[in-house]
């Protein structure tokens, strides 16, 4: 089981001080947060992709490449790569390059994003979001798996005898997750290819995401990739901790109440009751996170959001110290009674080994 954090990279005023960090400060803070994640023993750091204020991570590969040079073990991922508005050729080459620089410590999560104006900024029509996601990803897979590609589709110019460079490290493309908060078509797409499905269940009640995850599991099995229980599932989460639960609630409430995404909506108590958000002690985070398995089954990756809504860097780093303790306990608990046939989250090393084992089977007498 992999544990990590993801950032949306928002630049938000701290409601308790009235101070808003500069873009430079926020970008540098994200790098510091990633390094701290490795220090406390987390497995994954993931960044979103946004091209609108108040967000700064418009170039995930630039940021992740910088972090790769400053870490040794951390898996570097995206929590959204915009498959709809990015050119598949550019995605193929950018992430293959990052894969080489990071010695394979790279995967990525395809998504459509949730900001409508981004589509025309990049010459696309939001009404074509699902067809774009399907066609662009089909091309991306071919670019990574075929040395020479001839291709013609609806949304970009044809390719004739094209080879994307560099080729994926060891001939094995980065593992892909497909992220969704609402679209069964994306769960179907992930299942069709045998890729991972990430349900970023931080905003809506769990019964909505249970339907998406169950659909993905059923279709994963339908396409012959394994049993429903062997499907590769990731989940989102949000936490804010202090040793004393009341201190956590008191400190986090002004940030919650003024957050750009959910501020001025449901109360903190209502939101924690309906979503994975946990505000309290480390033990409360452990207990609530363990309930995710009851809802979604055994899964492979858990990512937490810890650095948004104007929280100062000092506080985020304190959260990561506590999260390191929490994850140590979660690893033990999630390992208990985990069926042997449930796979671990794919890594570059495991994908290379899988490829080599398959090649041996094919040449065996």
Protein backbone atom coordinates (compact mmCIF):
# COMPACT_ATOMS: atom_id res chain seq x y z
CA UNK A 1 0.00 0.00 0.00
CA UNK A 2 1.32 3.42 -0.97
CA UNK A 3 0.72 6.55 1.08
CA UNK A 4 1.41 10.09 0.02
CA UNK A 5 0.18 13.62 -0.39
CA UNK A 6 -1.16 15.68 -3.25
CA UNK A 7 -1.25 19.42 -3.68
CA UNK A 8 -3.57 21.60 -5.71
CA UNK A 9 -1.04 24.44 -5.50
CA UNK A 10 -3.48 27.19 -4.52
CA UNK A 11 -2.28 30.65 -3.54
CA UNK A 12 -4.74 31.56 -0.80
CA UNK A 13 -4.80 34.28 1.84
CA UNK A 14 -4.28 33.00 5.38
CA UNK A 15 -7.58 33.98 7.03
CA UNK A 16 -5.96 34.22 10.46
CA UNK A 17 -3.25 36.72 9.43
CA UNK A 18 -4.52 38.26 6.20
CA UNK A 19 -1.24 37.43 4.48
CA UNK A 20 -1.16 35.93 1.01
CA UNK A 21 2.06 34.23 -0.15
CA UNK A 22 3.59 35.25 -3.43
CA UNK A 23 3.60 32.79 -6.31
CA UNK A 24 7.35 32.37 -5.79
CA UNK A 25 6.85 31.53 -2.11
CA UNK A 26 4.10 29.03 -2.89
CA UNK A 27 6.12 27.25 -5.57
CA UNK A 28 9.15 26.98 -3.30
CA UNK A 29 6.92 25.79 -0.46
CA UNK A 30 5.61 22.93 -2.61
CA UNK A 31 9.18 21.75 -3.19
CA UNK A 32 9.90 21.91 0.55
CA UNK A 33 6.70 19.97 1.25
CA UNK A 34 7.72 17.23 -1.20
CA UNK A 35 11.14 16.88 0.40
CA UNK A 36 9.52 16.72 3.84
CA UNK A 37 7.18 13.99 2.58
CA UNK A 38 10.16 11.80 1.76
CA UNK A 39 11.82 12.65 5.07
CA UNK A 40 8.83 11.42 7.12
CA UNK A 41 8.55 8.18 5.13
CA UNK A 42 5.74 8.83 2.66
CA UNK A 43 5.80 7.10 -0.71
CA UNK A 44 4.24 9.59 -3.14
CA UNK A 45 4.14 13.31 -3.87
CA UNK A 46 1.60 14.41 -6.49
CA UNK A 47 0.86 17.82 -7.95
CA UNK A 48 -2.15 19.05 -9.85
CA UNK A 49 -2.07 20.91 -13.15
CA UNK A 50 -3.81 24.27 -13.34
CA UNK A 51 -3.63 27.19 -15.73
CA UNK A 52 -5.77 29.66 -13.83
CA UNK A 53 -5.44 31.66 -10.66
CA UNK A 54 -5.31 31.15 -7.72
CA UNK A 55 -3.24 28.07 -8.65
CA UNK A 56 0.45 27.93 -9.64
CA UNK A 57 1.34 24.40 -10.87
CA UNK A 58 0.99 25.04 -14.61
CA UNK A 59 4.08 22.94 -15.47
CA UNK A 60 4.07 19.71 -13.43
CA UNK A 61 7.06 18.15 -15.18
CA UNK A 62 9.22 21.18 -14.41
CA UNK A 63 8.35 20.99 -10.73
CA UNK A 64 8.64 17.22 -10.49
CA UNK A 65 11.97 17.24 -12.30
CA UNK A 66 13.31 19.75 -9.76
CA UNK A 67 12.00 17.59 -6.90
CA UNK A 68 13.48 14.45 -8.48
CA UNK A 69 16.93 15.98 -8.21
CA UNK A 70 16.39 16.60 -4.50
CA UNK A 71 14.89 13.27 -3.47
CA UNK A 72 15.97 9.65 -3.69
CA UNK A 73 12.98 7.43 -3.02
CA UNK A 74 9.81 9.44 -3.46
CA UNK A 75 7.46 8.48 -6.30
CA UNK A 76 6.63 11.62 -8.27
CA UNK A 77 3.16 11.83 -9.73
CA UNK A 78 0.52 14.18 -10.96
CA UNK A 79 -2.85 14.44 -9.32
CA UNK A 80 -4.10 15.72 -12.67
CA UNK A 81 -2.51 15.73 -16.09
CA UNK A 82 -4.97 17.41 -18.44
CA UNK A 83 -5.43 14.78 -21.12
CA UNK A 84 -8.07 16.95 -22.81
CA UNK A 85 -6.13 20.18 -23.37
CA UNK A 86 -2.54 18.91 -23.57
CA UNK A 87 -1.18 17.50 -26.81
CA UNK A 88 -0.63 13.73 -26.37
CA UNK A 89 2.71 14.03 -28.20
CA UNK A 90 3.92 16.58 -25.65
CA UNK A 91 2.69 14.45 -22.74
CA UNK A 92 4.47 11.40 -24.15
CA UNK A 93 7.78 13.21 -24.51
CA UNK A 94 7.64 15.31 -21.33
CA UNK A 95 6.87 12.40 -19.01
CA UNK A 96 9.32 10.03 -20.71
CA UNK A 97 12.00 12.66 -20.14
CA UNK A 98 10.93 13.03 -16.50
CA UNK A 99 10.95 9.25 -16.14
CA UNK A 100 14.61 9.14 -17.22
CA UNK A 101 15.63 12.02 -14.95
CA UNK A 102 13.89 10.42 -11.95
CA UNK A 103 15.22 6.89 -12.67
CA UNK A 104 11.69 5.57 -13.07
CA UNK A 105 10.14 7.20 -9.98
CA UNK A 106 7.27 8.59 -12.04
CA UNK A 107 3.63 7.89 -12.71
CA UNK A 108 0.79 10.19 -13.69
CA UNK A 109 -2.93 10.65 -13.32
CA UNK A 110 -5.03 11.56 -16.32
CA UNK A 111 -7.94 13.93 -15.76
CA UNK A 112 -10.18 16.42 -17.51
CA UNK A 113 -9.88 19.12 -14.85
CA UNK A 114 -12.76 21.13 -13.45
CA UNK A 115 -12.10 24.59 -14.92
CA UNK A 116 -14.23 25.24 -18.00
CA UNK A 117 -12.30 28.24 -19.44
CA UNK A 118 -9.14 26.13 -19.80
CA UNK A 119 -10.58 24.41 -22.88
CA UNK A 120 -10.77 27.46 -25.19
CA UNK A 121 -7.44 28.73 -23.84
CA UNK A 122 -5.91 25.63 -25.43
CA UNK A 123 -8.11 25.60 -28.51
CA UNK A 124 -10.59 22.95 -27.38
CA UNK A 125 -14.32 22.69 -26.74
CA UNK A 126 -15.45 21.64 -23.26
CA UNK A 127 -18.44 19.88 -24.80
CA UNK A 128 -15.96 17.43 -26.30
CA UNK A 129 -14.33 16.65 -22.93
CA UNK A 130 -15.05 12.93 -22.84
CA UNK A 131 -14.25 12.26 -26.55
CA UNK A 132 -11.01 14.25 -26.14
CA UNK A 133 -10.02 12.19 -23.11
CA UNK A 134 -10.68 8.94 -24.95
CA UNK A 135 -8.97 9.82 -28.23
CA UNK A 136 -5.97 11.61 -26.73
CA UNK A 137 -5.20 8.82 -24.30
CA UNK A 138 -5.49 6.16 -27.02
CA UNK A 139 -2.85 8.06 -28.98
CA UNK A 140 -0.64 8.56 -25.92
CA UNK A 141 -0.55 4.82 -25.26
CA UNK A 142 0.54 4.12 -28.83
CA UNK A 143 3.24 6.80 -28.70
CA UNK A 144 4.74 5.13 -25.62
CA UNK A 145 4.42 1.56 -26.88
CA UNK A 146 5.16 1.81 -30.62
CA UNK A 147 8.45 3.09 -32.02
CA UNK A 148 6.80 4.39 -35.21
CA UNK A 149 3.23 5.67 -35.19
CA UNK A 150 0.86 6.41 -38.06
CA UNK A 151 -2.31 7.95 -36.68
CA UNK A 152 -5.33 10.01 -37.66
CA UNK A 153 -8.10 11.23 -35.37
CA UNK A 154 -10.65 13.98 -34.89
CA UNK A 155 -8.95 16.49 -32.63
CA UNK A 156 -5.41 16.98 -33.94
CA UNK A 157 -3.38 16.75 -37.12
CA UNK A 158 -2.43 13.27 -38.36
CA UNK A 159 0.92 11.65 -37.61
CA UNK A 160 2.94 9.83 -40.24
CA UNK A 161 5.95 7.73 -39.28
CA UNK A 162 6.32 9.63 -36.00
CA UNK A 163 8.56 8.54 -33.12
CA UNK A 164 8.29 10.35 -29.79
CA UNK A 165 11.57 10.95 -28.01
CA UNK A 166 12.99 9.97 -25.67
CA UNK A 167 11.55 6.48 -25.56
CA UNK A 168 10.24 5.36 -22.14
CA UNK A 169 12.86 4.20 -19.65
CA UNK A 170 13.67 0.50 -20.12
CA UNK A 171 10.94 0.42 -22.78
CA UNK A 172 8.27 0.60 -20.06
CA UNK A 173 5.94 3.64 -19.94
CA UNK A 174 4.99 5.30 -16.65
CA UNK A 175 2.02 3.73 -14.90
CA UNK A 176 -1.18 5.68 -15.49
CA UNK A 177 -4.05 6.38 -13.12
CA UNK A 178 -7.30 7.87 -14.40
CA UNK A 179 -8.80 10.34 -11.95
CA UNK A 180 -12.47 11.18 -11.77
CA UNK A 181 -15.00 12.62 -9.37
CA UNK A 182 -18.11 12.16 -11.49
CA UNK A 183 -17.65 10.38 -14.85
CA UNK A 184 -18.37 6.66 -15.30
CA UNK A 185 -16.81 6.92 -18.77
CA UNK A 186 -13.42 7.53 -17.15
CA UNK A 187 -13.84 4.53 -14.85
CA UNK A 188 -14.65 2.51 -17.97
CA UNK A 189 -11.56 3.85 -19.75
CA UNK A 190 -9.29 2.90 -16.85
CA UNK A 191 -10.80 -0.59 -16.75
CA UNK A 192 -10.49 -1.12 -20.50
CA UNK A 193 -6.74 -0.55 -20.46
CA UNK A 194 -6.10 -2.23 -17.12
CA UNK A 195 -4.84 1.08 -15.70
CA UNK A 196 -5.41 2.44 -12.21
CA UNK A 197 -8.52 4.38 -11.16
CA UNK A 198 -8.21 7.21 -8.65
CA UNK A 199 -11.39 8.40 -6.94
CA UNK A 200 -10.62 11.81 -5.49
CA UNK A 201 -13.43 11.48 -3.01
CA UNK A 202 -12.74 14.64 -1.01
CA UNK A 203 -15.88 16.60 -1.91
CA UNK A 204 -18.85 14.26 -2.27
CA UNK A 205 -20.35 11.55 -0.02
CA UNK A 206 -18.79 8.11 -0.16
CA UNK A 207 -21.79 6.36 -1.72
CA UNK A 208 -21.23 8.34 -4.94
CA UNK A 209 -17.60 7.23 -5.22
CA UNK A 210 -18.40 3.67 -4.19
CA UNK A 211 -20.51 3.39 -7.36
CA UNK A 212 -17.62 4.61 -9.52
CA UNK A 213 -15.08 2.31 -7.89
CA UNK A 214 -17.39 -0.69 -8.09
CA UNK A 215 -18.05 0.02 -11.77
CA UNK A 216 -14.33 0.19 -12.42
CA UNK A 217 -13.69 -3.07 -10.57
CA UNK A 218 -16.46 -4.90 -12.45
CA UNK A 219 -15.30 -3.66 -15.85
CA UNK A 220 -11.63 -4.37 -15.03
CA UNK A 221 -12.60 -7.99 -14.56
CA UNK A 222 -14.83 -7.92 -17.66
CA UNK A 223 -11.85 -6.95 -19.82
CA UNK A 224 -9.82 -9.86 -18.48
CA UNK A 225 -7.23 -8.05 -16.40
CA UNK A 226 -7.96 -9.97 -13.21
CA UNK A 227 -10.62 -10.25 -10.55
CA UNK A 228 -12.50 -7.17 -9.32
CA UNK A 229 -10.44 -7.36 -6.13
CA UNK A 230 -7.22 -7.14 -8.16
CA UNK A 231 -8.12 -3.82 -9.80
CA UNK A 232 -5.79 -0.91 -8.97
CA UNK A 233 -7.63 1.70 -6.89
CA UNK A 234 -6.46 4.96 -5.34
CA UNK A 235 -8.36 7.28 -2.99
CA UNK A 236 -8.08 10.88 -1.91
CA UNK A 237 -8.37 12.24 1.61
CA UNK A 238 -7.93 15.39 3.69
CA UNK A 239 -6.55 15.71 7.19
CA UNK A 240 -5.69 18.33 9.77
CA UNK A 241 -4.21 17.09 13.03
CA UNK A 242 -3.12 18.20 16.44
CA UNK A 243 -2.35 16.01 19.42
CA UNK A 244 -5.55 17.26 20.99
CA UNK A 245 -8.66 16.95 18.84
CA UNK A 246 -10.25 20.17 20.09
CA UNK A 247 -7.10 22.09 19.21
CA UNK A 248 -7.23 20.75 15.66
CA UNK A 249 -10.85 21.80 15.18
CA UNK A 250 -10.31 25.24 16.65
CA UNK A 251 -7.20 25.90 14.54
CA UNK A 252 -8.52 24.55 11.24
CA UNK A 253 -12.03 26.04 11.34
CA UNK A 254 -11.15 29.50 9.95
CA UNK A 255 -9.23 27.88 7.10
CA UNK A 256 -12.14 25.60 6.30
CA UNK A 257 -14.72 28.38 6.53
CA UNK A 258 -12.81 30.55 4.03
CA UNK A 259 -11.35 27.94 1.69
CA UNK A 260 -11.90 28.84 -2.00
CA UNK A 261 -13.35 25.44 -2.83
CA UNK A 262 -15.75 24.65 0.00
CA UNK A 263 -15.75 27.71 2.25
CA UNK A 264 -19.08 29.37 3.03
CA UNK A 265 -20.88 26.11 2.32
CA UNK A 266 -21.52 23.14 4.63
CA UNK A 267 -20.22 23.43 8.16
CA UNK A 268 -16.98 21.77 9.16
CA UNK A 269 -18.95 19.19 11.14
CA UNK A 270 -21.23 18.41 8.18
CA UNK A 271 -18.30 18.09 5.82
CA UNK A 272 -16.34 15.75 8.08
CA UNK A 273 -19.44 13.59 8.50
CA UNK A 274 -20.03 13.23 4.74
CA UNK A 275 -16.52 13.18 3.24
CA UNK A 276 -13.06 11.78 4.11
CA UNK A 277 -12.02 15.08 5.75
CA UNK A 278 -10.70 14.31 9.24
CA UNK A 279 -9.93 17.13 11.66
CA UNK A 280 -8.73 15.82 14.98
CA UNK A 281 -6.06 13.71 16.63
CA UNK A 282 -3.72 11.29 14.84
CA UNK A 283 -5.71 8.39 16.27
CA UNK A 284 -8.92 9.78 14.78
CA UNK A 285 -7.23 10.01 11.38
CA UNK A 286 -6.09 6.40 11.67
CA UNK A 287 -9.54 5.18 12.64
CA UNK A 288 -11.39 7.05 9.89
CA UNK A 289 -8.89 6.16 7.16
CA UNK A 290 -9.19 2.49 8.03
CA UNK A 291 -12.93 2.69 7.33
CA UNK A 292 -12.18 3.45 3.67
CA UNK A 293 -11.43 -0.23 3.14
CA UNK A 294 -14.91 -1.11 4.40
CA UNK A 295 -16.42 1.12 1.71
CA UNK A 296 -14.11 0.54 -1.25
CA UNK A 297 -12.36 -2.77 -0.57
CA UNK A 298 -8.61 -3.30 -0.39
CA UNK A 299 -6.88 -0.63 -2.44
CA UNK A 300 -3.38 0.41 -3.46
CA UNK A 301 -2.80 4.15 -2.95
CA UNK A 302 -3.96 6.70 -0.40
CA UNK A 303 -3.15 10.38 -1.00
CA UNK A 304 -3.91 13.14 1.51
CA UNK A 305 -4.39 16.86 0.91
CA UNK A 306 -2.63 18.82 3.67
CA UNK A 307 -1.40 22.13 2.25
CA UNK A 308 -4.33 24.15 0.92
CA UNK A 309 -6.69 26.94 2.06
CA UNK A 310 -3.93 29.33 3.10
CA UNK A 311 -2.27 27.10 5.69
CA UNK A 312 1.24 28.45 6.36
CA UNK A 313 4.23 26.31 5.44
CA UNK A 314 5.26 25.86 9.06
CA UNK A 315 1.87 24.34 9.87
CA UNK A 316 1.96 22.06 6.82
CA UNK A 317 5.37 20.72 7.82
CA UNK A 318 4.02 20.03 11.32
CA UNK A 319 1.14 18.14 9.68
CA UNK A 320 3.62 16.02 7.76
CA UNK A 321 5.47 15.09 10.94
CA UNK A 322 2.19 13.82 12.37
CA UNK A 323 1.22 12.15 9.11
CA UNK A 324 4.48 10.21 9.13
CA UNK A 325 3.45 8.72 12.48
CA UNK A 326 -0.07 8.02 11.23
CA UNK A 327 1.11 6.29 8.06
CA UNK A 328 3.43 4.02 10.01
CA UNK A 329 0.41 2.71 11.90
CA UNK A 330 -1.82 2.61 8.81
CA UNK A 331 0.69 0.38 7.00
CA UNK A 332 0.45 -2.18 9.78
CA UNK A 333 -3.33 -2.08 9.98
CA UNK A 334 -3.98 -2.20 6.22
CA UNK A 335 -1.61 -5.16 5.93
CA UNK A 336 -3.72 -7.18 8.36
CA UNK A 337 -6.06 -9.61 6.63
CA UNK A 338 -5.12 -8.26 3.21
CA UNK A 339 -5.74 -11.11 0.74
CA UNK A 340 -2.59 -12.42 -0.91
CA UNK A 341 -4.07 -11.99 -4.39
CA UNK A 342 -4.55 -8.22 -3.95
CA UNK A 343 -1.61 -6.62 -5.79
CA UNK A 344 0.58 -3.79 -4.61
CA UNK A 345 0.56 -0.48 -6.46
CA UNK A 346 2.65 -0.74 -9.63
CA UNK A 347 6.12 0.80 -9.69
CA UNK A 348 8.63 1.05 -12.51
CA UNK A 349 10.57 -1.89 -11.10
CA UNK A 350 7.48 -4.08 -10.83
CA UNK A 351 6.34 -3.17 -14.36
CA UNK A 352 9.77 -4.02 -15.79
CA UNK A 353 9.73 -7.34 -13.92
CA UNK A 354 6.22 -8.06 -15.20
CA UNK A 355 7.28 -7.31 -18.78
CA UNK A 356 10.34 -9.56 -18.50
CA UNK A 357 8.35 -12.41 -16.96
CA UNK A 358 5.82 -12.22 -19.78
CA UNK A 359 8.61 -12.30 -22.36
CA UNK A 360 10.06 -15.44 -20.75
CA UNK A 361 6.68 -17.12 -20.85
CA UNK A 362 6.32 -16.37 -24.54
CA UNK A 363 9.67 -17.95 -25.46
CA UNK A 364 9.44 -20.92 -23.10
CA UNK A 365 9.10 -24.29 -24.90
